Every structure is written in structure tokens, then in C-alpha cells.
Amino acid sequence: MDAAELLNRYGTGVRDFSGVDLRRISLSRADLYQICLKDAILSGASLTDADLRGADLSKTDLVGARLNGASLVGASLYGADLTQVEMRSTDLYRVDLRQACLKGADLYESDFREVNLEGANLCEASLRGANFRQVKLDQVKLHDADLRGADLRGASWMGVELIRAYFEEANLSYANMGGVSFEGANLQKANMTCSVLTGANLTEVNLMGASLKGTKLDQANLYGANLSNADLTQADLKMADLTSADLSYANLTGADVWGAHMTAANLHGAILPDGTRHD
């Protein structure tokens, strides 16, 4: 089926195009409101600026498709294959992306407000500047994902996988990340103010210049972490492992370090909990 036939049938009121082979079809700027493309093949398709609000794209093959600027508000992409898809500046408000594969996808500055991403694969995806405020990222895979400058305020991270993810200058304030493993992640200059990182694994993680004001880091593993120039004002570091951590020029004013392990930690130039500066 080509674009002309599909649009003609859609214009006559047909909405169900389940299982149709539409690979490499061009439907840019098309009005496809509430269309059903369940199990369809749309690999390599051009859907730039298309209106796909309320569309059913569950289990659809969208590998390498272009959806830049498209509106997918309320659409279902449950279990869809979106590997290497282009979705820059796309409106994904309330989209169902459960179990979807977005590996290597370009989602620059896309809006994920109230999106369901449970079990989604976002490994190697470009998510720079994306909006994830209040989003549930439970069980999501983010290995090697680029989240620089992303807004993740208030997000939920239960069971998320963040190996080698990039979070430079991302906003992770007021997020619940207790027990999460940030193995190999880069959190340089990230804003993690008032977030919960109780028991999190931050071994050798780069937190240089990060804002951790009022953050709960009790029982967190910060062995060998780079916390130089980090702001840890009023942070909860009870029983945290800071062995061999770099805390040079960090601000620990008012921080609770009861029971923290700081063997071989570098405190040169740091402001200690009592407000004095370490030599």
C-alpha cells in the first residue's frame, strides 16, 4: 500500500490498517489522528510532523523511522520496535511506551511527561534536553544513554539500569533513586538536590561540581567517587562509604557524616560539616 491509497482510505473513514506493510512510506505532515497501525511495518518511514494523536502503534516495526516533530499525544507504542528512530522535539505526552525498544533512538528535547516507560529499552539513546519530569522509569534500561541536560525532576527509578549513562548538567532533583546503580555513569555538574540516593551504588562515579544539597546518601557506596567541588550542604551521608573519594574543595557544611567511612579520602580545601576549611 502506498501513501496515496492509505490517505484516501483514511479520508473515507477507514482507521484500521493493522499488519499493513508500509516500509519507507512518506507520510510527513499527514493527519492520522487515532489511526490503528498495530503490528504494521513502518521501518524507514517518514512521519515528520505527522498528527498521530491517539494512534495505536503497538508492536509496530518503526526501525529507523523519522518522527521528528510529530504529535503522539495519547498514542500506544506498547512493545513497538523503535530502534534508531528519529523523534527529535516530539510530543509524547501520555504515550504508552511499555516494553518498547528505543535502542539508539534520537529523542533530543522530546517531551515524556506522564509517559509509561515500564520495561522500555533506551540503551544508547540520545535523550539530551528531554523532559522526564515525574516520569516512572521503573525497570528501564539506560545503558550508555545520553541524558545530558535532561529534566528528570521527581522521576521514579526503581530497578532502572544506568551503566555508563551520561547525566552531565541534568536535573535529577527531588528524584527517588534509592538503591540504583550508577556504575560508570557521568554525573558531572548534575543537579541532585534533595534526591533520595539511599544505598545507591556510586562507585568511582564522576560527581565533580554536582549539587547534592540536602540529598540522602545514607549507606550509599561512593568508593573512589569524584566529588571535587560538589555541594553537599546538609547532605545525609550517614554510614556512606567514601573510601578513597575525592572531596577536594567540596562543601560539606551541615552534612551528617555519622559512621561514614572516609579512609584515604581527599579532603584538601573542603569545607567540613562544622564550617571550617580543611588544609
Protein backbone atom coordinates (compact mmCIF):
# COMPACT_ATOMS: atom_id res chain seq x y z
CA MET A 1 0.00 0.00 0.00
CA ASP A 2 1.34 3.44 -0.90
CA ALA A 3 0.73 6.79 0.81
CA ALA A 4 -1.97 7.91 -1.62
CA GLU A 5 -4.06 4.77 -1.09
CA LEU A 6 -3.70 4.90 2.69
CA LEU A 7 -4.66 8.57 2.89
CA ASN A 8 -7.59 8.03 0.53
CA ARG A 9 -8.95 5.15 2.62
CA TYR A 10 -8.34 7.12 5.82
CA GLY A 11 -10.28 10.01 4.30
CA THR A 12 -13.28 7.73 3.72
CA GLY A 13 -13.35 6.80 7.41
CA VAL A 14 -11.16 3.67 7.49
CA ARG A 15 -8.97 3.64 10.61
CA ASP A 16 -7.76 0.05 10.92
CA PHE A 17 -4.55 -0.65 9.00
CA SER A 18 -3.26 -3.40 11.29
CA GLY A 19 -0.41 -5.50 9.92
CA VAL A 20 -0.02 -3.48 6.71
CA ASP A 21 3.43 -3.27 5.08
CA LEU A 22 4.24 0.45 4.84
CA ARG A 23 8.01 0.35 4.97
CA ARG A 24 9.72 3.55 3.74
CA ILE A 25 6.35 5.25 3.20
CA SER A 26 6.26 9.06 3.24
CA LEU A 27 3.51 10.46 5.46
CA SER A 28 5.11 13.69 6.63
CA ARG A 29 2.58 16.22 7.98
CA ALA A 30 -0.25 13.72 7.44
CA ASP A 31 -3.36 13.82 9.62
CA LEU A 32 -3.55 10.29 11.05
CA TYR A 33 -5.48 11.01 14.22
CA GLN A 34 -6.49 7.79 16.03
CA ILE A 35 -5.26 5.56 13.20
CA CYS A 36 -4.65 1.89 14.02
CA LEU A 37 -1.30 0.62 12.73
CA LYS A 38 -0.92 -2.24 15.18
CA ASP A 39 1.67 -4.82 14.04
CA ALA A 40 2.28 -2.79 10.86
CA ILE A 41 5.70 -2.46 9.20
CA LEU A 42 6.79 1.18 9.09
CA SER A 43 10.55 0.72 9.09
CA GLY A 44 12.29 3.63 7.40
CA ALA A 45 9.01 5.56 7.13
CA SER A 46 8.88 9.35 7.16
CA LEU A 47 6.28 10.61 9.64
CA THR A 48 7.84 14.00 10.35
CA ASP A 49 5.34 16.49 11.82
CA ALA A 50 2.51 13.95 11.41
CA ASP A 51 -0.57 14.03 13.64
CA LEU A 52 -0.59 10.64 15.36
CA ARG A 53 -2.52 11.61 18.46
CA GLY A 54 -4.32 8.64 19.95
CA ALA A 55 -2.86 6.28 17.34
CA ASP A 56 -2.44 2.55 18.02
CA LEU A 57 1.14 1.68 17.07
CA SER A 58 1.51 -1.22 19.48
CA LYS A 59 4.07 -3.82 18.38
CA THR A 60 4.66 -1.83 15.18
CA ASP A 61 8.01 -2.04 13.37
CA LEU A 62 9.30 1.55 13.25
CA VAL A 63 13.01 0.77 12.94
CA GLY A 64 14.83 3.78 11.51
CA ALA A 65 11.61 5.77 11.03
CA ARG A 66 11.59 9.57 11.22
CA LEU A 67 9.02 11.12 13.55
CA ASN A 68 10.70 14.45 14.27
CA GLY A 69 8.15 16.99 15.45
CA ALA A 70 5.26 14.51 15.30
CA SER A 71 2.43 14.65 17.84
CA LEU A 72 1.89 11.31 19.54
CA VAL A 73 -0.18 12.52 22.47
CA GLY A 74 -2.06 9.58 24.00
CA ALA A 75 -0.74 7.09 21.42
CA SER A 76 0.08 3.47 22.20
CA LEU A 77 3.55 2.25 21.25
CA TYR A 78 3.42 -0.74 23.56
CA GLY A 79 6.09 -3.26 22.54
CA ALA A 80 6.95 -1.29 19.39
CA ASP A 81 10.40 -1.56 17.81
CA LEU A 82 11.74 2.00 17.62
CA THR A 83 15.40 1.11 17.21
CA GLN A 84 17.38 4.00 15.68
CA VAL A 85 14.20 6.06 15.27
CA GLU A 86 14.41 9.85 14.97
CA MET A 87 11.97 11.56 17.35
CA ARG A 88 13.56 14.95 17.98
CA SER A 89 11.31 17.54 19.66
CA THR A 90 8.41 15.06 19.60
CA ASP A 91 5.36 15.47 21.84
CA LEU A 92 5.00 12.16 23.69
CA TYR A 93 2.60 13.31 26.39
CA ARG A 94 0.84 10.31 27.97
CA VAL A 95 2.20 7.86 25.38
CA ASP A 96 2.34 4.16 26.28
CA LEU A 97 5.94 3.02 25.67
CA ARG A 98 5.89 -0.04 27.90
CA GLN A 99 8.26 -2.76 26.67
CA ALA A 100 9.20 -0.63 23.65
CA CYS A 101 12.69 -0.85 22.17
CA LEU A 102 14.21 2.60 21.63
CA LYS A 103 17.82 1.48 21.42
CA GLY A 104 19.97 4.10 19.73
CA ALA A 105 16.96 6.38 19.17
CA ASP A 106 17.39 10.14 18.77
CA LEU A 107 14.94 11.73 21.22
CA TYR A 108 16.59 15.13 21.61
CA GLU A 109 14.39 17.55 23.58
CA SER A 110 11.35 15.26 23.36
CA ASP A 111 8.57 15.59 25.93
CA PHE A 112 7.98 12.46 28.04
CA ARG A 113 5.53 13.94 30.56
CA GLU A 114 3.29 11.23 32.06
CA VAL A 115 4.71 8.63 29.66
CA ASN A 116 4.67 4.99 30.76
CA LEU A 117 8.16 3.62 30.07
CA GLU A 118 7.99 0.49 32.21
CA GLY A 119 10.44 -2.09 30.87
CA ALA A 120 11.47 0.04 27.89
CA ASN A 121 14.95 -0.26 26.34
CA LEU A 122 16.62 3.15 25.92
CA CYS A 123 20.20 1.90 25.73
CA GLU A 124 22.48 4.16 23.66
CA ALA A 125 19.58 6.58 23.07
CA SER A 126 20.17 10.32 22.72
CA LEU A 127 17.94 11.99 25.31
CA ARG A 128 19.71 15.33 25.61
CA GLY A 129 17.43 18.04 26.95
CA ALA A 130 14.45 15.67 27.13
CA ASN A 131 11.66 16.28 29.65
CA PHE A 132 11.18 13.36 32.08
CA ARG A 133 9.59 15.29 34.95
CA GLN A 134 7.62 13.00 37.30
CA VAL A 135 8.05 10.08 34.86
CA LYS A 136 8.20 6.47 36.10
CA LEU A 137 11.41 4.96 34.75
CA ASP A 138 10.96 1.69 36.64
CA GLN A 139 12.81 -1.27 35.07
CA VAL A 140 14.02 0.92 32.18
CA LYS A 141 17.37 0.12 30.55
CA LEU A 142 19.54 3.22 30.01
CA HIS A 143 22.97 1.71 29.40
CA ASP A 144 25.21 4.23 27.57
CA ALA A 145 22.28 6.64 27.14
CA ASP A 146 22.99 10.36 26.71
CA LEU A 147 20.86 12.33 29.19
CA ARG A 148 22.94 15.50 29.28
CA GLY A 149 20.82 18.47 30.26
CA ALA A 150 17.68 16.34 30.62
CA ASP A 151 14.98 17.31 33.13
CA LEU A 152 14.41 14.33 35.43
CA ARG A 153 12.95 16.14 38.43
CA GLY A 154 10.79 13.91 40.58
CA ALA A 155 11.30 10.84 38.39
CA SER A 156 10.98 7.32 39.83
CA TRP A 157 13.94 4.96 39.23
CA MET A 158 13.02 1.59 40.72
CA GLY A 159 15.12 -1.16 39.12
CA VAL A 160 16.48 1.13 36.38
CA GLU A 161 19.81 0.21 34.72
CA LEU A 162 22.16 3.18 34.24
CA ILE A 163 25.52 1.64 33.37
CA ARG A 164 27.78 4.25 31.71
CA ALA A 165 24.90 6.72 31.24
CA TYR A 166 25.75 10.41 30.75
CA PHE A 167 24.00 12.90 33.05
CA GLU A 168 26.19 15.99 32.81
CA GLU A 169 24.18 19.08 33.84
CA ALA A 170 20.99 17.02 34.04
CA ASN A 171 18.35 17.96 36.62
CA LEU A 172 17.72 14.98 38.91
CA SER A 173 16.48 16.96 41.90
CA TYR A 174 13.75 15.52 44.14
CA ALA A 175 14.07 12.15 42.39
CA ASN A 176 13.80 8.77 44.14
CA MET A 177 16.91 6.79 43.20
CA GLY A 178 17.39 4.69 46.31
CA GLY A 179 19.41 1.53 45.64
CA VAL A 180 20.07 2.43 42.00
CA SER A 181 23.43 1.50 40.45
CA PHE A 182 25.20 4.33 38.60
CA GLU A 183 28.18 2.16 37.66
CA GLY A 184 30.40 4.07 35.22
CA ALA A 185 27.90 6.95 34.93
CA ASN A 186 28.93 10.59 34.47
CA LEU A 187 27.04 12.98 36.74
CA GLN A 188 29.35 15.97 36.42
CA LYS A 189 27.56 19.22 37.37
CA ALA A 190 24.26 17.35 37.71
CA ASN A 191 21.59 18.82 39.99
CA MET A 192 20.61 16.15 42.52
CA THR A 193 19.31 18.50 45.20
CA CYS A 194 17.08 16.79 47.80
CA SER A 195 17.06 13.49 45.91
CA VAL A 196 16.96 10.11 47.62
CA LEU A 197 20.06 8.00 46.92
CA THR A 198 19.92 5.79 49.99
CA GLY A 199 22.03 2.68 49.38
CA ALA A 200 22.83 3.71 45.80
CA ASN A 201 25.95 2.42 44.07
CA LEU A 202 28.06 5.41 43.02
CA THR A 203 31.41 3.64 42.99
CA GLU A 204 34.01 5.71 41.09
CA VAL A 205 31.24 7.86 39.59
CA ASN A 206 32.08 11.37 38.36
CA LEU A 207 30.11 13.82 40.53
CA MET A 208 32.51 16.72 40.04
CA GLY A 209 30.71 20.01 40.67
CA ALA A 210 27.39 18.27 41.28
CA SER A 211 24.71 19.80 43.51
CA LEU A 212 23.84 17.36 46.29
CA LYS A 213 22.32 19.82 48.75
CA GLY A 214 20.05 18.05 51.21
CA THR A 215 20.46 14.80 49.29
CA LYS A 216 20.02 11.49 51.12
CA LEU A 217 23.18 9.47 50.54
CA ASP A 218 22.99 7.36 53.68
CA GLN A 219 24.58 3.94 53.20
CA ALA A 220 25.49 4.85 49.61
CA ASN A 221 28.64 3.41 48.09
CA LEU A 222 30.80 6.35 46.97
CA TYR A 223 34.09 4.46 46.96
CA GLY A 224 36.58 6.30 44.74
CA ALA A 225 33.91 8.76 43.56
CA ASN A 226 34.94 12.18 42.26
CA LEU A 227 33.11 14.70 44.44
CA SER A 228 35.53 17.56 43.94
CA ASN A 229 33.80 20.96 44.07
CA ALA A 230 30.49 19.21 44.80
CA ASP A 231 27.92 20.94 47.02
CA LEU A 232 27.00 18.54 49.83
CA THR A 233 25.45 21.15 52.12
CA GLN A 234 23.09 19.46 54.61
CA ALA A 235 23.54 16.13 52.81
CA ASP A 236 22.82 12.89 54.68
CA LEU A 237 25.98 10.79 54.46
CA LYS A 238 25.37 8.52 57.44
CA MET A 239 27.18 5.18 57.03
CA ALA A 240 28.18 6.09 53.47
CA ASP A 241 31.37 4.59 52.05
CA LEU A 242 33.60 7.48 50.95
CA THR A 243 36.80 5.47 50.96
CA SER A 244 39.33 6.95 48.50
CA ALA A 245 36.74 9.50 47.34
CA ASP A 246 37.92 12.88 46.04
CA LEU A 247 36.20 15.54 48.15
CA SER A 248 38.67 18.31 47.39
CA TYR A 249 37.04 21.74 47.61
CA ALA A 250 33.65 20.14 48.26
CA ASN A 251 31.18 21.93 50.54
CA LEU A 252 30.11 19.66 53.42
CA THR A 253 28.59 22.39 55.60
CA GLY A 254 25.98 20.87 57.91
CA ALA A 255 26.35 17.41 56.34
CA ASP A 256 25.67 14.39 58.54
CA VAL A 257 28.72 12.13 58.24
CA TRP A 258 27.99 9.91 61.26
CA GLY A 259 29.52 6.48 60.69
CA ALA A 260 30.78 7.39 57.21
CA HIS A 261 33.94 5.63 56.03
CA MET A 262 36.44 8.20 54.76
CA THR A 263 39.71 6.28 54.76
CA ALA A 264 42.15 7.75 52.20
CA ALA A 265 39.55 10.32 51.10
CA ASN A 266 40.95 13.57 49.67
CA LEU A 267 39.56 16.49 51.69
CA HIS A 268 42.01 19.14 50.51
CA GLY A 269 40.34 22.54 50.55
CA ALA A 270 36.97 21.07 51.52
CA ILE A 271 34.57 22.91 53.82
CA LEU A 272 33.88 20.47 56.66
CA PRO A 273 30.50 19.92 58.36
CA ASP A 274 31.37 22.40 61.13
CA GLY A 275 32.11 25.12 58.57
CA THR A 276 35.90 25.03 58.86
CA ARG A 277 38.06 24.53 55.79
CA HIS A 278 40.40 21.54 55.58
CA ASP A 279 44.00 22.38 54.77
